[in-house]
């Protein structure tokens, strides 16, 4: 999981990405993808980046989980993205 600004973010086998209150443990939001979410999210500049087994890397608003953008690859994304100098790096199983 990733922890930022009092929230815990994680992906799940039920095809969702979740944000929980880090103190209370209550759900703040969830976002449904098209497959298992096995990569760990990363949070940078108010955006949650996470890969999914549906071949997409998602960017979601960290406050409310609203969709911002997605990038499709040719295979599953099972590693966690990295953000450096405003650039998001990730790999997929397509090589």
Protein backbone atom coordinates (compact mmCIF):
# COMPACT_ATOMS: atom_id res chain seq x y z
CA UNK A 1 0.00 0.00 0.00
CA UNK A 2 0.89 3.68 -0.22
CA UNK A 3 0.30 6.13 2.62
CA UNK A 4 -0.05 9.87 2.00
CA UNK A 5 -1.89 12.77 3.62
CA UNK A 6 -3.69 10.61 6.18
CA UNK A 7 -4.91 8.05 3.64
CA UNK A 8 -3.93 4.48 2.79
CA UNK A 9 -4.17 3.49 -0.89
CA UNK A 10 -4.09 -0.09 -2.15
CA UNK A 11 -5.25 -2.33 -4.96
CA UNK A 12 -7.27 -5.49 -4.57
CA UNK A 13 -8.14 -8.78 -6.20
CA UNK A 14 -11.73 -7.56 -6.54
CA UNK A 15 -10.59 -5.19 -9.35
CA UNK A 16 -10.72 -2.08 -7.15
CA UNK A 17 -8.32 0.56 -5.93
CA UNK A 18 -9.21 1.76 -2.43
CA UNK A 19 -8.48 4.79 -0.28
CA UNK A 20 -9.01 4.45 3.46
CA UNK A 21 -8.72 6.91 6.30
CA UNK A 22 -5.39 5.97 7.89
CA UNK A 23 -6.65 6.52 11.45
CA UNK A 24 -10.25 5.31 11.34
CA UNK A 25 -9.87 2.65 8.64
CA UNK A 26 -13.06 3.81 6.94
CA UNK A 27 -13.36 3.78 3.17
CA UNK A 28 -13.06 7.18 1.53
CA UNK A 29 -13.40 6.05 -2.08
CA UNK A 30 -12.89 3.16 -4.45
CA UNK A 31 -12.31 2.94 -8.20
CA UNK A 32 -13.05 -0.16 -10.29
CA UNK A 33 -10.57 -1.33 -12.92
CA UNK A 34 -11.02 -4.11 -15.43
CA UNK A 35 -8.88 -6.71 -13.66
CA UNK A 36 -6.82 -7.58 -10.59
CA UNK A 37 -4.78 -4.74 -9.14
CA UNK A 38 -1.50 -6.28 -8.04
CA UNK A 39 0.83 -3.28 -8.30
CA UNK A 40 1.21 -0.97 -5.33
CA UNK A 41 0.05 2.57 -5.90
CA UNK A 42 2.25 5.62 -5.65
CA UNK A 43 0.98 9.08 -4.71
CA UNK A 44 2.55 12.25 -6.07
CA UNK A 45 1.19 15.79 -6.32
CA UNK A 46 -2.33 14.74 -5.35
CA UNK A 47 -2.53 11.94 -7.92
CA UNK A 48 -2.60 8.18 -7.30
CA UNK A 49 -0.81 6.15 -10.00
CA UNK A 50 -1.41 2.41 -10.13
CA UNK A 51 -1.17 -0.38 -12.68
CA UNK A 52 -3.70 -3.15 -13.27
CA UNK A 53 -3.98 -6.56 -14.86
CA UNK A 54 -6.27 -4.98 -17.47
CA UNK A 55 -3.17 -3.49 -19.18
CA UNK A 56 -3.76 0.08 -17.94
CA UNK A 57 -1.82 2.43 -15.72
CA UNK A 58 -4.35 4.69 -14.03
CA UNK A 59 -4.01 8.21 -12.65
CA UNK A 60 -6.70 9.08 -10.09
CA UNK A 61 -7.42 12.13 -7.99
CA UNK A 62 -6.09 11.25 -4.53
CA UNK A 63 -8.85 13.16 -2.71
CA UNK A 64 -11.91 11.63 -4.35
CA UNK A 65 -10.74 8.78 -6.62
CA UNK A 66 -12.03 10.45 -9.77
CA UNK A 67 -10.48 9.23 -12.99
CA UNK A 68 -7.92 11.57 -14.52
CA UNK A 69 -6.17 9.57 -17.24
CA UNK A 70 -5.11 6.05 -18.22
CA UNK A 71 -2.38 4.66 -20.43
CA UNK A 72 -2.91 1.32 -22.14
CA UNK A 73 -0.08 -1.16 -22.63
CA UNK A 74 -0.09 -4.55 -24.35
CA UNK A 75 0.04 -6.61 -21.17
CA UNK A 76 -0.51 -6.58 -17.40
CA UNK A 77 1.16 -4.01 -15.19
CA UNK A 78 2.34 -5.81 -12.08
CA UNK A 79 5.06 -3.49 -10.79
CA UNK A 80 4.57 -0.23 -8.98
CA UNK A 81 4.94 3.05 -10.86
CA UNK A 82 7.63 5.52 -9.87
CA UNK A 83 7.30 9.31 -10.13
CA UNK A 84 10.39 11.48 -10.52
CA UNK A 85 10.56 15.12 -11.62
CA UNK A 86 6.92 15.01 -12.73
CA UNK A 87 7.39 11.95 -14.96
CA UNK A 88 5.67 8.62 -14.27
CA UNK A 89 7.69 5.50 -15.04
CA UNK A 90 6.28 1.98 -15.09
CA UNK A 91 6.73 -1.29 -16.93
CA UNK A 92 4.34 -3.94 -18.14
CA UNK A 93 4.65 -7.63 -18.91
CA UNK A 94 4.83 -6.87 -22.63
CA UNK A 95 8.52 -6.10 -22.35
